[in-house]
Amino acid sequence: MCITMLLGLSADPEPLVRESAARALGVYVLFPCQRSDVSFVADAANAVISCMQDEHFQVKVKAAWAMANVSDALVLNM
C-alpha cells in the first residue's frame, strides 16, 4: 500500500511531496525484496522519469539520484 501511495505522490502538485516521493522510491528500489519485483522496478522507473522532467530543480536532483538507484537495482538483478 505504501509503495502504491508513493507512486501516486510522485505526481503531486506540491514540489516537496514529489521530491520526497522520488527519494523514497529510490530507497525502496534497493531493497532485495523490491528489486526482484519487476513490475515495481518498472513503475518506479516510470515515476522517477516523470520527476526528472519536473520544473523544480530539487525534484530533478532527487529523481536523478533515484534513477541511479534504479540502475543499480537493474544491475544487481542480472
PDB file of N, CA and C in Angstrom:
ATOM      1  N   MET A   1       0.813  -1.185   0.000  1.00  0.00           N
ATOM      2  CA  MET A   1       0.000   0.000   0.000  1.00  0.00           C
ATOM      3  C   MET A   1       0.866   1.261   0.000  1.00  0.00           C
ATOM      4  N   CYS A   2       1.930   1.251   0.790  1.00  0.00           N
ATOM      5  CA  CYS A   2       2.812   2.424   0.858  1.00  0.00           C
ATOM      6  C   CYS A   2       3.454   2.718  -0.487  1.00  0.00           C
ATOM      7  N   ILE A   3       3.838   1.670  -1.184  1.00  0.00           N
ATOM      8  CA  ILE A   3       4.500   1.868  -2.470  1.00  0.00           C
ATOM      9  C   ILE A   3       3.518   2.414  -3.496  1.00  0.00           C
ATOM     10  N   THR A   4       2.307   1.931  -3.489  1.00  0.00           N
ATOM     11  CA  THR A   4       1.284   2.455  -4.395  1.00  0.00           C
ATOM     12  C   THR A   4       1.038   3.925  -4.111  1.00  0.00           C
ATOM     13  N   MET A   5       1.029   4.270  -2.847  1.00  0.00           N
ATOM     14  CA  MET A   5       0.837   5.667  -2.456  1.00  0.00           C
ATOM     15  C   MET A   5       2.008   6.529  -2.933  1.00  0.00           C
ATOM     16  N   LEU A   6       3.229   6.019  -2.803  1.00  0.00           N
ATOM     17  CA  LEU A   6       4.395   6.770  -3.263  1.00  0.00           C
ATOM     18  C   LEU A   6       4.373   6.994  -4.770  1.00  0.00           C
ATOM     19  N   LEU A   7       3.942   5.993  -5.504  1.00  0.00           N
ATOM     20  CA  LEU A   7       3.865   6.155  -6.954  1.00  0.00           C
ATOM     21  C   LEU A   7       2.887   7.258  -7.321  1.00  0.00           C
ATOM     22  N   GLY A   8       1.790   7.350  -6.595  1.00  0.00           N
ATOM     23  CA  GLY A   8       0.826   8.421  -6.834  1.00  0.00           C
ATOM     24  C   GLY A   8       1.340   9.775  -6.388  1.00  0.00           C
ATOM     25  N   LEU A   9       2.070   9.791  -5.270  1.00  0.00           N
ATOM     26  CA  LEU A   9       2.589  11.060  -4.753  1.00  0.00           C
ATOM     27  C   LEU A   9       3.699  11.640  -5.628  1.00  0.00           C
ATOM     28  N   SER A  10       4.264  10.840  -6.497  1.00  0.00           N
ATOM     29  CA  SER A  10       5.302  11.365  -7.387  1.00  0.00           C
ATOM     30  C   SER A  10       4.727  12.345  -8.410  1.00  0.00           C
ATOM     31  N   ALA A  11       3.404  12.410  -8.504  1.00  0.00           N
ATOM     32  CA  ALA A  11       2.745  13.360  -9.416  1.00  0.00           C
ATOM     33  C   ALA A  11       1.936  14.402  -8.640  1.00  0.00           C
ATOM     34  N   ASP A  12       2.221  14.571  -7.367  1.00  0.00           N
ATOM     35  CA  ASP A  12       1.502  15.533  -6.523  1.00  0.00           C
ATOM     36  C   ASP A  12       1.775  16.963  -6.995  1.00  0.00           C
ATOM     37  N   PRO A  13       0.834  17.880  -6.784  1.00  0.00           N
ATOM     38  CA  PRO A  13       1.066  19.278  -7.188  1.00  0.00           C
ATOM     39  C   PRO A  13       2.169  19.982  -6.381  1.00  0.00           C
ATOM     40  N   GLU A  14       2.437  19.513  -5.175  1.00  0.00           N
ATOM     41  CA  GLU A  14       3.440  20.152  -4.311  1.00  0.00           C
ATOM     42  C   GLU A  14       4.841  19.608  -4.626  1.00  0.00           C
ATOM     43  N   PRO A  15       5.802  20.481  -4.953  1.00  0.00           N
ATOM     44  CA  PRO A  15       7.148  20.009  -5.313  1.00  0.00           C
ATOM     45  C   PRO A  15       7.859  19.240  -4.194  1.00  0.00           C
ATOM     46  N   LEU A  16       7.675  19.649  -2.951  1.00  0.00           N
ATOM     47  CA  LEU A  16       8.332  18.934  -1.859  1.00  0.00           C
ATOM     48  C   LEU A  16       7.820  17.508  -1.720  1.00  0.00           C
ATOM     49  N   VAL A  17       6.560  17.306  -2.024  1.00  0.00           N
ATOM     50  CA  VAL A  17       5.987  15.961  -1.974  1.00  0.00           C
ATOM     51  C   VAL A  17       6.560  15.111  -3.101  1.00  0.00           C
ATOM     52  N   ARG A  18       6.658  15.681  -4.302  1.00  0.00           N
ATOM     53  CA  ARG A  18       7.240  14.947  -5.434  1.00  0.00           C
ATOM     54  C   ARG A  18       8.698  14.604  -5.150  1.00  0.00           C
ATOM     55  N   GLU A  19       9.421  15.552  -4.566  1.00  0.00           N
ATOM     56  CA  GLU A  19      10.823  15.334  -4.225  1.00  0.00           C
ATOM     57  C   GLU A  19      10.974  14.190  -3.219  1.00  0.00           C
ATOM     58  N   SER A  20      10.143  14.206  -2.198  1.00  0.00           N
ATOM     59  CA  SER A  20      10.197  13.161  -1.168  1.00  0.00           C
ATOM     60  C   SER A  20       9.778  11.802  -1.720  1.00  0.00           C
ATOM     61  N   ALA A  21       8.787  11.797  -2.586  1.00  0.00           N
ATOM     62  CA  ALA A  21       8.340  10.541  -3.184  1.00  0.00           C
ATOM     63  C   ALA A  21       9.434   9.941  -4.065  1.00  0.00           C
ATOM     64  N   ALA A  22      10.110  10.777  -4.826  1.00  0.00           N
ATOM     65  CA  ALA A  22      11.196  10.284  -5.681  1.00  0.00           C
ATOM     66  C   ALA A  22      12.321   9.702  -4.837  1.00  0.00           C
ATOM     67  N   ARG A  23      12.651  10.371  -3.750  1.00  0.00           N
ATOM     68  CA  ARG A  23      13.706   9.871  -2.865  1.00  0.00           C
ATOM     69  C   ARG A  23      13.303   8.551  -2.228  1.00  0.00           C
ATOM     70  N   ALA A  24      12.077   8.463  -1.757  1.00  0.00           N
ATOM     71  CA  ALA A  24      11.611   7.225  -1.126  1.00  0.00           C
ATOM     72  C   ALA A  24      11.601   6.063  -2.121  1.00  0.00           C
ATOM     73  N   LEU A  25      11.176   6.334  -3.346  1.00  0.00           N
ATOM     74  CA  LEU A  25      11.203   5.282  -4.364  1.00  0.00           C
ATOM     75  C   LEU A  25      12.635   4.832  -4.637  1.00  0.00           C
ATOM     76  N   GLY A  26      13.564   5.789  -4.622  1.00  0.00           N
ATOM     77  CA  GLY A  26      14.969   5.447  -4.822  1.00  0.00           C
ATOM     78  C   GLY A  26      15.525   4.589  -3.705  1.00  0.00           C
ATOM     79  N   VAL A  27      15.011   4.757  -2.507  1.00  0.00           N
ATOM     80  CA  VAL A  27      15.439   3.924  -1.382  1.00  0.00           C
ATOM     81  C   VAL A  27      14.807   2.543  -1.481  1.00  0.00           C
ATOM     82  N   TYR A  28      13.498   2.512  -1.731  1.00  0.00           N
ATOM     83  CA  TYR A  28      12.788   1.236  -1.774  1.00  0.00           C
ATOM     84  C   TYR A  28      13.275   0.321  -2.887  1.00  0.00           C
ATOM     85  N   VAL A  29      13.702   0.902  -3.989  1.00  0.00           N
ATOM     86  CA  VAL A  29      14.097   0.074  -5.131  1.00  0.00           C
ATOM     87  C   VAL A  29      15.367  -0.735  -4.843  1.00  0.00           C
ATOM     88  N   LEU A  30      16.106  -0.371  -3.819  1.00  0.00           N
ATOM     89  CA  LEU A  30      17.323  -1.119  -3.483  1.00  0.00           C
ATOM     90  C   LEU A  30      17.078  -2.259  -2.496  1.00  0.00           C
ATOM     91  N   PHE A  31      15.894  -2.322  -1.891  1.00  0.00           N
ATOM     92  CA  PHE A  31      15.591  -3.446  -1.001  1.00  0.00           C
ATOM     93  C   PHE A  31      15.523  -4.723  -1.835  1.00  0.00           C
ATOM     94  N   PRO A  32      16.171  -5.799  -1.392  1.00  0.00           N
ATOM     95  CA  PRO A  32      16.185  -7.029  -2.198  1.00  0.00           C
ATOM     96  C   PRO A  32      14.797  -7.554  -2.559  1.00  0.00           C
ATOM     97  N   CYS A  33      13.860  -7.467  -1.644  1.00  0.00           N
ATOM     98  CA  CYS A  33      12.520  -7.988  -1.958  1.00  0.00           C
ATOM     99  C   CYS A  33      11.804  -7.103  -2.978  1.00  0.00           C
ATOM    100  N   GLN A  34      12.143  -5.825  -3.046  1.00  0.00           N
ATOM    101  CA  GLN A  34      11.506  -4.917  -4.005  1.00  0.00           C
ATOM    102  C   GLN A  34      12.193  -4.956  -5.362  1.00  0.00           C
ATOM    103  N   ARG A  35      13.510  -5.043  -5.369  1.00  0.00           N
ATOM    104  CA  ARG A  35      14.195  -5.018  -6.663  1.00  0.00           C
ATOM    105  C   ARG A  35      13.969  -6.290  -7.460  1.00  0.00           C
ATOM    106  N   SER A  36      13.551  -7.365  -6.800  1.00  0.00           N
ATOM    107  CA  SER A  36      13.235  -8.586  -7.543  1.00  0.00           C
ATOM    108  C   SER A  36      11.838  -8.529  -8.161  1.00  0.00           C
ATOM    109  N   ASP A  37      11.035  -7.563  -7.756  1.00  0.00           N
ATOM    110  CA  ASP A  37       9.699  -7.377  -8.322  1.00  0.00           C
ATOM    111  C   ASP A  37       9.812  -6.491  -9.564  1.00  0.00           C
ATOM    112  N   VAL A  38       9.761  -7.116 -10.721  1.00  0.00           N
ATOM    113  CA  VAL A  38       9.997  -6.412 -11.983  1.00  0.00           C
ATOM    114  C   VAL A  38       8.960  -5.315 -12.213  1.00  0.00           C
ATOM    115  N   SER A  39       7.725  -5.569 -11.858  1.00  0.00           N
ATOM    116  CA  SER A  39       6.691  -4.554 -12.087  1.00  0.00           C
ATOM    117  C   SER A  39       6.913  -3.334 -11.192  1.00  0.00           C
ATOM    118  N   PHE A  40       7.381  -3.529  -9.963  1.00  0.00           N
ATOM    119  CA  PHE A  40       7.676  -2.388  -9.106  1.00  0.00           C
ATOM    120  C   PHE A  40       8.835  -1.575  -9.668  1.00  0.00           C
ATOM    121  N   VAL A  41       9.879  -2.247 -10.112  1.00  0.00           N
ATOM    122  CA  VAL A  41      11.036  -1.526 -10.659  1.00  0.00           C
ATOM    123  C   VAL A  41      10.620  -0.725 -11.893  1.00  0.00           C
ATOM    124  N   ALA A  42       9.779  -1.306 -12.726  1.00  0.00           N
ATOM    125  CA  ALA A  42       9.307  -0.593 -13.919  1.00  0.00           C
ATOM    126  C   ALA A  42       8.431   0.598 -13.542  1.00  0.00           C
ATOM    127  N   ASP A  43       7.529   0.407 -12.589  1.00  0.00           N
ATOM    128  CA  ASP A  43       6.680   1.517 -12.145  1.00  0.00           C
ATOM    129  C   ASP A  43       7.498   2.616 -11.489  1.00  0.00           C
ATOM    130  N   ALA A  44       8.466   2.220 -10.681  1.00  0.00           N
ATOM    131  CA  ALA A  44       9.327   3.212 -10.029  1.00  0.00           C
ATOM    132  C   ALA A  44      10.140   3.984 -11.065  1.00  0.00           C
ATOM    133  N   ALA A  45      10.660   3.281 -12.056  1.00  0.00           N
ATOM    134  CA  ALA A  45      11.434   3.949 -13.104  1.00  0.00           C
ATOM    135  C   ALA A  45      10.570   4.948 -13.865  1.00  0.00           C
ATOM    136  N   ASN A  46       9.335   4.574 -14.179  1.00  0.00           N
ATOM    137  CA  ASN A  46       8.439   5.498 -14.891  1.00  0.00           C
ATOM    138  C   ASN A  46       8.128   6.723 -14.042  1.00  0.00           C
ATOM    139  N   ALA A  47       7.891   6.526 -12.753  1.00  0.00           N
ATOM    140  CA  ALA A  47       7.603   7.657 -11.864  1.00  0.00           C
ATOM    141  C   ALA A  47       8.819   8.569 -11.737  1.00  0.00           C
ATOM    142  N   VAL A  48       9.992   7.979 -11.635  1.00  0.00           N
ATOM    143  CA  VAL A  48      11.223   8.766 -11.494  1.00  0.00           C
ATOM    144  C   VAL A  48      11.518   9.526 -12.788  1.00  0.00           C
ATOM    145  N   ILE A  49      11.275   8.902 -13.916  1.00  0.00           N
ATOM    146  CA  ILE A  49      11.499   9.583 -15.198  1.00  0.00           C
ATOM    147  C   ILE A  49      10.591  10.799 -15.323  1.00  0.00           C
ATOM    148  N   SER A  50       9.351  10.655 -14.892  1.00  0.00           N
ATOM    149  CA  SER A  50       8.459  11.818 -14.958  1.00  0.00           C
ATOM    150  C   SER A  50       8.913  12.911 -13.994  1.00  0.00           C
ATOM    151  N   CYS A  51       9.482  12.527 -12.864  1.00  0.00           N
ATOM    152  CA  CYS A  51      10.016  13.534 -11.930  1.00  0.00           C
ATOM    153  C   CYS A  51      11.271  14.209 -12.490  1.00  0.00           C
ATOM    154  N   MET A  52      12.011  13.509 -13.324  1.00  0.00           N
ATOM    155  CA  MET A  52      13.214  14.108 -13.910  1.00  0.00           C
ATOM    156  C   MET A  52      12.865  15.213 -14.895  1.00  0.00           C
ATOM    157  N   GLN A  53      11.638  15.238 -15.360  1.00  0.00           N
ATOM    158  CA  GLN A  53      11.197  16.278 -16.284  1.00  0.00           C
ATOM    159  C   GLN A  53      10.484  17.414 -15.556  1.00  0.00           C
ATOM    160  N   ASP A  54      10.604  17.452 -14.252  1.00  0.00           N
ATOM    161  CA  ASP A  54       9.918  18.456 -13.430  1.00  0.00           C
ATOM    162  C   ASP A  54      10.556  19.825 -13.631  1.00  0.00           C
ATOM    163  N   GLU A  55       9.792  20.856 -13.332  1.00  0.00           N
ATOM    164  CA  GLU A  55      10.300  22.222 -13.475  1.00  0.00           C
ATOM    165  C   GLU A  55      11.121  22.673 -12.275  1.00  0.00           C
ATOM    166  N   HIS A  56      11.000  21.991 -11.152  1.00  0.00           N
ATOM    167  CA  HIS A  56      11.735  22.368  -9.940  1.00  0.00           C
ATOM    168  C   HIS A  56      13.053  21.598  -9.864  1.00  0.00           C
ATOM    169  N   PHE A  57      14.113  22.332  -9.597  1.00  0.00           N
ATOM    170  CA  PHE A  57      15.459  21.762  -9.612  1.00  0.00           C
ATOM    171  C   PHE A  57      15.631  20.655  -8.578  1.00  0.00           C
ATOM    172  N   GLN A  58      15.140  20.860  -7.356  1.00  0.00           N
ATOM    173  CA  GLN A  58      15.326  19.868  -6.296  1.00  0.00           C
ATOM    174  C   GLN A  58      14.616  18.559  -6.624  1.00  0.00           C
ATOM    175  N   VAL A  59      13.489  18.630  -7.284  1.00  0.00           N
ATOM    176  CA  VAL A  59      12.789  17.408  -7.696  1.00  0.00           C
ATOM    177  C   VAL A  59      13.647  16.666  -8.714  1.00  0.00           C
ATOM    178  N   LYS A  60      14.251  17.403  -9.633  1.00  0.00           N
ATOM    179  CA  LYS A  60      15.122  16.782 -10.638  1.00  0.00           C
ATOM    180  C   LYS A  60      16.335  16.120  -9.991  1.00  0.00           C
ATOM    181  N   VAL A  61      16.901  16.776  -8.971  1.00  0.00           N
ATOM    182  CA  VAL A  61      18.081  16.229  -8.295  1.00  0.00           C
ATOM    183  C   VAL A  61      17.737  14.910  -7.604  1.00  0.00           C
ATOM    184  N   LYS A  62      16.655  14.897  -6.862  1.00  0.00           N
ATOM    185  CA  LYS A  62      16.238  13.671  -6.172  1.00  0.00           C
ATOM    186  C   LYS A  62      15.870  12.580  -7.176  1.00  0.00           C
ATOM    187  N   ALA A  63      15.251  12.973  -8.275  1.00  0.00           N
ATOM    188  CA  ALA A  63      14.880  11.994  -9.295  1.00  0.00           C
ATOM    189  C   ALA A  63      16.126  11.400  -9.957  1.00  0.00           C
ATOM    190  N   ALA A  64      17.135  12.211 -10.187  1.00  0.00           N
ATOM    191  CA  ALA A  64      18.373  11.700 -10.776  1.00  0.00           C
ATOM    192  C   ALA A  64      19.052  10.712  -9.834  1.00  0.00           C
ATOM    193  N   TRP A  65      19.045  11.026  -8.537  1.00  0.00           N
ATOM    194  CA  TRP A  65      19.604  10.115  -7.538  1.00  0.00           C
ATOM    195  C   TRP A  65      18.813   8.812  -7.522  1.00  0.00           C
ATOM    196  N   ALA A  66      17.491   8.918  -7.568  1.00  0.00           N
ATOM    197  CA  ALA A  66      16.640   7.733  -7.559  1.00  0.00           C
ATOM    198  C   ALA A  66      16.864   6.901  -8.817  1.00  0.00           C
ATOM    199  N   MET A  67      17.064   7.550  -9.959  1.00  0.00           N
ATOM    200  CA  MET A  67      17.308   6.814 -11.204  1.00  0.00           C
ATOM    201  C   MET A  67      18.633   6.059 -11.132  1.00  0.00           C
ATOM    202  N   ALA A  68      19.613   6.629 -10.456  1.00  0.00           N
ATOM    203  CA  ALA A  68      20.870   5.904 -10.253  1.00  0.00           C
ATOM    204  C   ALA A  68      20.628   4.640  -9.435  1.00  0.00           C
ATOM    205  N   ASN A  69      19.764   4.722  -8.434  1.00  0.00           N
ATOM    206  CA  ASN A  69      19.432   3.544  -7.638  1.00  0.00           C
ATOM    207  C   ASN A  69      18.630   2.536  -8.448  1.00  0.00           C
ATOM    208  N   VAL A  70      17.762   3.003  -9.315  1.00  0.00           N
ATOM    209  CA  VAL A  70      17.019   2.083 -10.193  1.00  0.00           C
ATOM    210  C   VAL A  70      18.008   1.362 -11.104  1.00  0.00           C
ATOM    211  N   SER A  71      18.984   2.075 -11.616  1.00  0.00           N
ATOM    212  CA  SER A  71      20.005   1.457 -12.461  1.00  0.00           C
ATOM    213  C   SER A  71      20.811   0.421 -11.683  1.00  0.00           C
ATOM    214  N   ASP A  72      21.175   0.744 -10.451  1.00  0.00           N
ATOM    215  CA  ASP A  72      21.880  -0.216  -9.597  1.00  0.00           C
ATOM    216  C   ASP A  72      21.027  -1.455  -9.347  1.00  0.00           C
ATOM    217  N   ALA A  73      19.744  -1.261  -9.124  1.00  0.00           N
ATOM    218  CA  ALA A  73      18.849  -2.398  -8.889  1.00  0.00           C
ATOM    219  C   ALA A  73      18.785  -3.297 -10.118  1.00  0.00           C
ATOM    220  N   LEU A  74      18.757  -2.694 -11.296  1.00  0.00           N
ATOM    221  CA  LEU A  74      18.720  -3.485 -12.525  1.00  0.00           C
ATOM    222  C   LEU A  74      20.006  -4.271 -12.703  1.00  0.00           C
ATOM    223  N   VAL A  75      21.134  -3.663 -12.366  1.00  0.00           N
ATOM    224  CA  VAL A  75      22.417  -4.360 -12.489  1.00  0.00           C
ATOM    225  C   VAL A  75      22.489  -5.513 -11.486  1.00  0.00           C
ATOM    226  N   LEU A  76      22.003  -5.273 -10.278  1.00  0.00           N
ATOM    227  CA  LEU A  76      22.041  -6.314  -9.253  1.00  0.00           C
ATOM    228  C   LEU A  76      21.112  -7.485  -9.585  1.00  0.00           C
ATOM    229  N   ASN A  77      20.100  -7.259 -10.394  1.00  0.00           N
ATOM    230  CA  ASN A  77      19.172  -8.330 -10.777  1.00  0.00           C
ATOM    231  C   ASN A  77      19.715  -9.215 -11.890  1.00  0.00           C
ATOM    232  N   MET A  78      20.783  -8.806 -12.528  1.00  0.00           N
ATOM    233  CA  MET A  78      21.321  -9.584 -13.658  1.00  0.00           C
ATOM    234  C   MET A  78      21.919 -10.884 -13.196  1.00  0.00           C
TER     235      MET A  78
END
